[in-house]
Amino acid sequence: MAFQLVASIALGAWLGSRLDRWLALKAPAFTIGLSLLFTVGSLVLIIRDLMKEKS
């Protein structure tokens, strides 16, 4: 689970930085946004997995 969280944050940051560079943005809007989105998504999946194992 820890690897999944780290990998999703890294993937979101990488995709965001590529988008920021491609769109020539000065602020890292997509980097921050996609990192947060992928982090929340990963946490939701982890919590769902933990709830399934608990019951």
N, C-alpha and C. Protein backbone atom coordinates (compact mmCIF):
# COMPACT_ATOMS: atom_id res chain seq x y z
N MET A 1 0.81 -1.19 0.00
CA MET A 1 0.00 0.00 0.00
C MET A 1 0.86 1.26 0.00
N ALA A 2 1.94 1.24 0.71
CA ALA A 2 2.82 2.41 0.75
C ALA A 2 3.40 2.68 -0.63
N PHE A 3 3.79 1.62 -1.33
CA PHE A 3 4.33 1.80 -2.68
C PHE A 3 3.27 2.37 -3.61
N GLN A 4 2.04 1.92 -3.47
CA GLN A 4 0.94 2.42 -4.29
C GLN A 4 0.75 3.92 -4.07
N LEU A 5 0.80 4.37 -2.83
CA LEU A 5 0.63 5.78 -2.53
C LEU A 5 1.77 6.61 -3.11
N VAL A 6 2.99 6.16 -2.90
CA VAL A 6 4.16 6.89 -3.42
C VAL A 6 4.14 6.91 -4.94
N ALA A 7 3.80 5.80 -5.55
CA ALA A 7 3.77 5.73 -7.02
C ALA A 7 2.69 6.64 -7.59
N SER A 8 1.55 6.70 -6.96
CA SER A 8 0.48 7.55 -7.48
C SER A 8 0.84 9.03 -7.35
N ILE A 9 1.45 9.42 -6.24
CA ILE A 9 1.88 10.81 -6.08
C ILE A 9 2.93 11.16 -7.12
N ALA A 10 3.88 10.26 -7.33
CA ALA A 10 4.93 10.50 -8.32
C ALA A 10 4.35 10.59 -9.73
N LEU A 11 3.40 9.72 -10.05
CA LEU A 11 2.77 9.76 -11.38
C LEU A 11 1.99 11.05 -11.58
N GLY A 12 1.25 11.48 -10.57
CA GLY A 12 0.51 12.73 -10.66
C GLY A 12 1.43 13.92 -10.83
N ALA A 13 2.54 13.94 -10.10
CA ALA A 13 3.50 15.04 -10.22
C ALA A 13 4.15 15.03 -11.60
N TRP A 14 4.49 13.85 -12.09
CA TRP A 14 5.14 13.77 -13.40
C TRP A 14 4.19 14.22 -14.51
N LEU A 15 2.95 13.72 -14.48
CA LEU A 15 1.97 14.13 -15.49
C LEU A 15 1.69 15.63 -15.41
N GLY A 16 1.57 16.13 -14.20
CA GLY A 16 1.32 17.56 -14.02
C GLY A 16 2.45 18.42 -14.54
N SER A 17 3.67 18.01 -14.27
CA SER A 17 4.81 18.79 -14.75
C SER A 17 4.90 18.75 -16.27
N ARG A 18 4.57 17.60 -16.86
CA ARG A 18 4.56 17.52 -18.33
C ARG A 18 3.50 18.45 -18.91
N LEU A 19 2.32 18.47 -18.31
CA LEU A 19 1.26 19.36 -18.78
C LEU A 19 1.63 20.83 -18.60
N ASP A 20 2.21 21.16 -17.45
CA ASP A 20 2.64 22.54 -17.22
C ASP A 20 3.67 22.97 -18.25
N ARG A 21 4.60 22.09 -18.54
CA ARG A 21 5.64 22.40 -19.52
C ARG A 21 5.04 22.50 -20.93
N TRP A 22 4.14 21.59 -21.28
CA TRP A 22 3.53 21.58 -22.61
C TRP A 22 2.68 22.83 -22.85
N LEU A 23 1.95 23.27 -21.80
CA LEU A 23 1.11 24.46 -21.92
C LEU A 23 1.87 25.75 -21.61
N ALA A 24 3.13 25.63 -21.25
CA ALA A 24 4.01 26.78 -20.95
C ALA A 24 3.43 27.65 -19.84
N LEU A 25 2.98 27.00 -18.78
CA LEU A 25 2.45 27.74 -17.64
C LEU A 25 3.59 28.16 -16.71
N LYS A 26 3.46 29.35 -16.15
CA LYS A 26 4.49 29.83 -15.21
C LYS A 26 4.31 29.20 -13.83
N ALA A 27 3.06 29.05 -13.42
CA ALA A 27 2.76 28.44 -12.12
C ALA A 27 2.54 26.94 -12.32
N PRO A 28 2.95 26.13 -11.35
CA PRO A 28 2.79 24.67 -11.48
C PRO A 28 1.38 24.20 -11.13
N ALA A 29 0.39 24.72 -11.81
CA ALA A 29 -1.01 24.43 -11.47
C ALA A 29 -1.34 22.95 -11.65
N PHE A 30 -0.99 22.38 -12.79
CA PHE A 30 -1.31 20.98 -13.03
C PHE A 30 -0.48 20.05 -12.15
N THR A 31 0.74 20.43 -11.87
CA THR A 31 1.58 19.60 -11.00
C THR A 31 0.94 19.47 -9.62
N ILE A 32 0.53 20.58 -9.07
CA ILE A 32 -0.09 20.57 -7.75
C ILE A 32 -1.46 19.88 -7.79
N GLY A 33 -2.26 20.24 -8.78
CA GLY A 33 -3.60 19.69 -8.88
C GLY A 33 -3.62 18.19 -9.09
N LEU A 34 -2.81 17.70 -10.03
CA LEU A 34 -2.79 16.26 -10.28
C LEU A 34 -2.15 15.48 -9.13
N SER A 35 -1.16 16.07 -8.48
CA SER A 35 -0.57 15.39 -7.31
C SER A 35 -1.62 15.21 -6.23
N LEU A 36 -2.38 16.26 -5.96
CA LEU A 36 -3.44 16.15 -4.95
C LEU A 36 -4.53 15.19 -5.37
N LEU A 37 -4.94 15.25 -6.63
CA LEU A 37 -5.98 14.36 -7.12
C LEU A 37 -5.56 12.90 -7.03
N PHE A 38 -4.34 12.60 -7.45
CA PHE A 38 -3.86 11.22 -7.40
C PHE A 38 -3.67 10.77 -5.95
N THR A 39 -3.26 11.67 -5.06
CA THR A 39 -3.11 11.32 -3.64
C THR A 39 -4.46 10.96 -3.03
N VAL A 40 -5.46 11.79 -3.27
CA VAL A 40 -6.80 11.52 -2.73
C VAL A 40 -7.35 10.22 -3.31
N GLY A 41 -7.19 10.03 -4.61
CA GLY A 41 -7.66 8.80 -5.23
C GLY A 41 -7.00 7.57 -4.66
N SER A 42 -5.71 7.65 -4.44
CA SER A 42 -4.98 6.52 -3.88
C SER A 42 -5.43 6.24 -2.44
N LEU A 43 -5.63 7.30 -1.67
CA LEU A 43 -6.08 7.11 -0.29
C LEU A 43 -7.47 6.49 -0.25
N VAL A 44 -8.34 6.88 -1.16
CA VAL A 44 -9.68 6.29 -1.23
C VAL A 44 -9.58 4.79 -1.52
N LEU A 45 -8.74 4.42 -2.48
CA LEU A 45 -8.58 3.00 -2.80
C LEU A 45 -8.00 2.22 -1.63
N ILE A 46 -7.04 2.80 -0.94
CA ILE A 46 -6.43 2.12 0.21
C ILE A 46 -7.46 1.92 1.31
N ILE A 47 -8.26 2.96 1.58
CA ILE A 47 -9.28 2.85 2.63
C ILE A 47 -10.32 1.80 2.26
N ARG A 48 -10.73 1.76 0.98
CA ARG A 48 -11.68 0.73 0.55
C ARG A 48 -11.10 -0.67 0.73
N ASP A 49 -9.83 -0.85 0.38
CA ASP A 49 -9.20 -2.16 0.56
C ASP A 49 -9.15 -2.54 2.03
N LEU A 50 -8.83 -1.59 2.90
CA LEU A 50 -8.75 -1.89 4.31
C LEU A 50 -10.12 -2.23 4.89
N MET A 51 -11.16 -1.54 4.40
CA MET A 51 -12.51 -1.83 4.89
C MET A 51 -12.96 -3.23 4.44
N LYS A 52 -12.58 -3.65 3.23
CA LYS A 52 -12.93 -4.99 2.77
C LYS A 52 -12.23 -6.07 3.60
N GLU A 53 -10.96 -5.82 3.93
CA GLU A 53 -10.22 -6.80 4.73
C GLU A 53 -10.75 -6.90 6.13
N LYS A 54 -11.27 -5.80 6.66
CA LYS A 54 -11.75 -5.77 8.04
C LYS A 54 -13.03 -6.57 8.20
N SER A 55 -13.89 -6.57 7.19
CA SER A 55 -15.17 -7.27 7.33
C SER A 55 -15.14 -8.69 6.84
